[in-house]
Protein backbone atom coordinates (compact mmCIF):
# COMPACT_ATOMS: atom_id res chain seq x y z
CA MET A 1 113.44 79.30 128.55
CA ARG A 2 117.21 80.57 129.35
CA GLN A 3 119.13 83.84 128.98
CA ALA A 4 122.91 83.72 130.32
CA GLU A 5 122.40 87.80 130.91
CA LEU A 6 119.89 90.57 130.60
CA VAL A 7 120.44 92.41 127.73
CA ILE A 8 119.22 95.71 126.28
CA VAL A 9 118.02 96.46 122.80
CA VAL A 10 117.34 99.57 121.07
CA LEU A 11 114.12 99.85 119.24
CA GLU A 12 114.22 102.43 116.85
CA GLY A 13 111.26 104.11 115.12
CA PHE A 14 107.67 104.38 116.20
CA HIS A 15 107.01 100.40 114.59
CA ALA A 16 109.47 99.17 116.89
CA VAL A 17 108.36 100.71 119.94
CA LYS A 18 104.77 99.56 118.97
CA HIS A 19 105.46 96.12 118.66
CA ALA A 20 107.35 95.91 122.19
CA LEU A 21 104.57 97.58 123.78
CA ARG A 22 101.79 95.72 122.28
CA PHE A 23 103.53 92.05 122.85
CA THR A 24 105.64 92.75 125.94
CA PRO A 25 104.69 95.85 127.62
CA ALA A 26 106.32 95.14 130.79
CA LEU A 27 109.87 94.81 129.01
CA VAL A 28 110.12 98.24 127.83
CA ARG A 29 112.45 100.41 129.95
CA ARG A 30 112.45 103.82 128.21
CA ILE A 31 110.75 105.85 125.35
CA THR A 32 111.86 108.94 124.11
CA VAL A 33 110.45 111.35 121.44
CA THR A 34 111.07 114.61 120.13
CA SER A 35 107.61 115.99 120.75
CA VAL A 36 104.96 113.89 123.00
CA SER A 37 101.80 115.04 120.87
CA SER A 38 103.42 114.17 117.40
CA ALA A 39 104.33 110.48 118.76
CA LEU A 40 100.80 110.43 120.03
CA ALA A 41 99.15 111.50 116.76
CA LEU A 42 101.24 108.73 115.76
CA CYS A 43 99.37 106.32 118.12
CA ASP A 44 95.88 107.82 117.48
CA ALA A 45 96.99 106.95 113.59
CA LEU A 46 98.51 103.86 113.35
CA ALA A 47 98.28 101.95 116.93
CA PRO A 48 95.79 103.73 119.33
CA ASP A 49 95.96 100.49 121.35
CA VAL A 50 99.36 101.67 122.57
CA ARG A 51 98.37 105.47 123.33
CA GLU A 52 98.40 105.24 126.94
CA LEU A 53 101.10 102.94 127.36
CA LEU A 54 103.34 105.12 125.23
CA LEU A 55 102.32 108.29 127.18
CA ALA A 56 103.27 107.01 130.40
CA LEU A 57 106.75 106.42 129.40
CA ALA A 58 107.65 109.34 126.89
CA VAL A 59 110.23 111.68 127.23
CA GLU A 60 111.09 114.03 124.84
CA GLY A 61 114.41 114.82 123.65
CA PRO A 62 116.84 113.90 120.54
CA VAL A 63 115.79 111.28 118.35
CA GLU A 64 117.89 110.58 115.37
CA HIS A 65 114.83 107.75 113.65
CA PRO A 66 112.88 109.89 111.38
CA THR A 67 109.29 108.89 113.28
CA GLY A 68 110.88 110.75 116.40
CA VAL A 69 110.41 107.91 118.37
CA GLN A 70 112.70 105.30 119.69
CA GLY A 71 113.04 102.95 123.11
CA GLU A 72 114.89 100.79 125.07
CA ALA A 73 113.84 97.23 125.96
CA ASP A 74 114.74 94.19 127.70
CA ARG A 75 115.44 91.33 125.44
CA PRO A 76 113.13 88.36 126.14
CA LEU A 77 113.83 85.28 127.82
CA GLU A 78 114.70 82.83 125.21
CA ASP A 79 112.33 79.96 124.61
CA ARG A 80 113.80 77.02 123.36
CA SER A 81 110.88 74.63 123.21
CA ILE A 82 109.50 75.47 120.03
CA LEU A 83 112.49 73.80 118.55
CA ARG A 84 111.42 70.36 120.01
CA GLN A 85 107.58 71.02 120.17
CA ARG A 86 105.07 73.57 119.13
CA SER A 87 101.58 73.83 117.32
CA ALA A 88 102.41 76.36 114.40
CA PRO A 89 105.55 75.95 111.92
CA LEU A 90 108.66 76.69 113.41
CA VAL A 91 111.16 78.84 110.51
CA LEU A 92 114.74 77.69 110.13
CA LEU A 93 116.76 80.26 108.67
CA ASP A 94 119.87 78.32 107.02
CA ASP A 95 122.68 80.73 107.25
CA PRO A 96 121.26 84.05 106.02
CA ARG A 97 123.73 86.73 105.39
CA HIS A 98 121.94 89.86 105.04
CA PRO A 99 120.35 91.18 108.32
CA GLY A 100 117.48 93.16 107.06
CA ASN A 101 116.29 90.03 104.64
CA ALA A 102 116.26 88.17 107.85
CA GLY A 103 114.40 91.06 109.83
CA ALA A 104 112.23 90.88 107.20
CA ALA A 105 111.64 86.99 107.23
CA ILE A 106 110.94 87.44 111.28
CA ARG A 107 108.33 90.22 110.81
CA VAL A 108 106.57 88.03 108.05
CA ALA A 109 106.80 84.90 110.33
CA ALA A 110 105.09 86.75 113.12
CA ALA A 111 102.26 88.23 111.01
CA ALA A 112 101.40 85.08 109.51
CA GLY A 113 101.38 82.89 113.18
CA ALA A 114 104.68 80.95 113.43
CA SER A 115 105.58 79.18 116.20
CA GLY A 116 108.97 80.39 116.18
CA VAL A 117 112.22 82.10 114.11
CA ALA A 118 115.83 80.27 114.98
CA LEU A 119 118.66 80.87 112.73
CA LEU A 120 121.84 78.77 111.92
CA GLY A 121 124.77 80.00 110.93
CA THR A 122 126.88 83.23 112.43
CA LEU A 123 124.12 85.92 112.04
CA ASP A 124 123.26 87.35 115.22
CA PRO A 125 118.99 87.37 115.15
CA TRP A 126 119.00 90.20 117.68
CA HIS A 127 121.48 92.26 115.35
CA PRO A 128 120.20 95.75 115.59
CA ALA A 129 119.64 95.84 111.93
CA VAL A 130 117.75 92.64 112.00
CA LEU A 131 115.65 94.46 114.49
CA ARG A 132 114.83 97.09 112.13
CA GLY A 133 114.10 95.12 109.36
CA ALA A 134 111.57 93.46 111.35
CA ALA A 135 110.20 96.42 112.81
CA GLY A 136 110.22 95.26 116.42
CA LEU A 137 108.39 91.81 115.75
CA HIS A 138 111.01 90.09 117.81
CA PHE A 139 108.69 91.12 120.63
CA ALA A 140 106.21 88.85 119.26
CA LEU A 141 107.32 85.60 118.97
CA PRO A 142 110.40 83.48 119.70
CA VAL A 143 113.49 84.53 117.74
CA LEU A 144 116.93 82.60 118.46
CA SER A 145 119.92 80.77 117.46
CA CYS A 146 120.41 76.95 117.24
CA SER A 147 122.18 74.04 115.80
CA LEU A 148 120.53 71.73 112.90
CA MET A 149 120.92 68.84 116.01
CA GLU A 150 118.59 71.14 118.04
CA VAL A 151 115.59 70.94 115.90
CA ALA A 152 113.19 68.25 116.11
CA GLY A 153 110.00 67.47 113.90
CA PRO A 154 109.55 67.10 110.06
CA VAL A 155 111.78 69.04 108.52
CA PHE A 156 110.48 70.90 104.87
CA ALA A 157 113.45 72.42 103.18
CA LEU A 158 112.18 75.01 99.95
CA ASP A 159 114.34 74.75 97.08
CA ALA A 160 113.97 75.28 93.64
CA ASP A 161 114.28 71.59 92.28
CA GLY A 162 111.93 69.91 95.11
CA GLU A 163 109.16 68.31 94.58
CA PRO A 164 105.73 70.14 94.36
CA PHE A 165 104.81 72.26 97.65
CA PRO A 166 102.35 70.31 99.58
CA SER A 167 100.34 71.31 102.98
CA LEU A 168 102.60 72.11 106.20
CA PRO A 169 101.98 70.11 109.17
CA ASP A 170 101.27 72.40 112.23
CA ASP A 171 104.60 71.32 113.72
CA ALA A 172 106.80 71.67 110.46
CA VAL A 173 110.01 73.03 110.27
CA LEU A 174 110.25 75.62 107.35
CA VAL A 175 113.85 75.74 106.00
CA VAL A 176 114.71 78.58 104.10
CA GLY A 177 118.46 78.76 102.67
CA SER A 178 120.70 82.15 102.17
CA GLU A 179 120.59 84.47 99.79
CA ARG A 180 123.30 83.21 97.57
CA ALA A 181 124.41 79.50 98.69
CA GLY A 182 120.66 78.17 99.22
CA LEU A 183 120.67 75.16 101.80
CA SER A 184 123.83 73.53 103.00
CA VAL A 185 124.87 69.67 102.55
CA ASP A 186 123.58 68.90 106.18
CA THR A 187 120.04 70.93 106.31
CA LEU A 188 119.34 68.73 103.07
CA ALA A 189 120.47 65.55 104.47
CA ARG A 190 118.29 66.61 107.51
CA ALA A 191 115.35 67.25 105.31
CA ASP A 192 112.23 64.86 105.78
CA ARG A 193 110.78 66.53 102.39
CA VAL A 194 112.37 69.14 99.81
CA VAL A 195 109.88 70.85 98.31
CA ALA A 196 109.39 73.92 95.97
CA LEU A 197 106.99 77.07 95.44
CA PRO A 198 105.08 76.92 92.02
CA MET A 199 106.45 79.72 90.24
CA ARG A 200 105.99 81.22 86.64
CA ALA A 201 108.41 79.64 84.16
CA GLY A 202 111.75 81.48 83.66
CA VAL A 203 111.81 82.68 87.06
CA SER A 204 114.29 80.90 89.16
CA SER A 205 114.08 82.14 92.99
CA LEU A 206 112.10 84.35 95.47
CA ASN A 207 114.15 87.04 98.00
CA LEU A 208 114.23 85.31 101.20
CA ALA A 209 111.31 86.83 103.14
CA THR A 210 108.99 86.52 100.01
CA ALA A 211 109.55 82.61 100.24
CA VAL A 212 108.86 82.38 103.88
CA SER A 213 105.41 84.93 103.28
CA ALA A 214 104.43 82.32 100.43
CA ALA A 215 104.85 79.24 102.32
CA LEU A 216 103.68 80.29 105.63
CA TYR A 217 100.61 82.12 103.86
CA ALA A 218 99.51 78.69 102.20
CA TRP A 219 99.87 76.96 105.58
CA ARG A 220 97.71 79.93 107.04
CA LEU A 221 95.29 80.16 104.71
CA ALA A 222 94.48 76.13 104.57
CA GLY A 223 93.94 76.70 108.16
CA LEU A 224 91.68 79.50 108.03
CA ARG A 225 89.33 77.39 105.76
CA THR A 226 89.12 75.12 108.84
CA PRO A 227 85.36 76.06 110.78
CA GLY A 228 86.58 77.98 114.05
CA ALA A 229 90.16 79.00 112.73
CA ASP A 230 91.31 82.69 113.39
CA ALA A 231 90.65 84.90 110.61
CA GLY A 232 92.70 88.29 111.55
CA THR A 233 93.40 91.10 109.17
CA ALA A 234 96.47 93.24 108.53
CA ARG A 235 97.29 96.98 108.18
CA LEU A 236 100.29 97.53 105.48
CA GLY A 237 103.44 98.84 106.38
């Protein structure tokens, strides 16, 4: 793990605060709410497990977010070990351009139990818009930038012209291309297999986060058919 300096990130909205409190409570520095009673009502309805943590840190003040909740937290230390070794797939986004799409992919990866999300290219994975799109789930798994040379393990690249989608091994690197350009030449050359999700005739592509979701849940659901596998459920929203 490494990080050059301590970085404070803004948690926009109740869901971002909730996830930071749930996964890394020690990193949350402060929480501002327009109304303590309203914030606690949100906890009671959506996340009773973080109620006492939020109550201990909440201070009333002006908040721009519609939920009336915002916060600040220390950015977690980078865990770069997942680039070399892991027990669940690593999602590798190949030069994503839209911060919201990258954030949505991180949210899906956290829900499906991926080992982490790494970004190739110039987009900062901790940009406020990416954090907003992920609803704060950066605090649930490692999220970082990397180079292609740093990644080890079997690389499965998603592409419409690939072979039929296989069963992903637990240590797979699942690469998804950018919204317009797709996979880079270097990434395709690095891939051990180029694979395609099955789609109805006439449909040529999927949204970035949707493609990540389909691939990861194919892996997760295959694992849940194994005796003793974890079978959690999720609330929508």
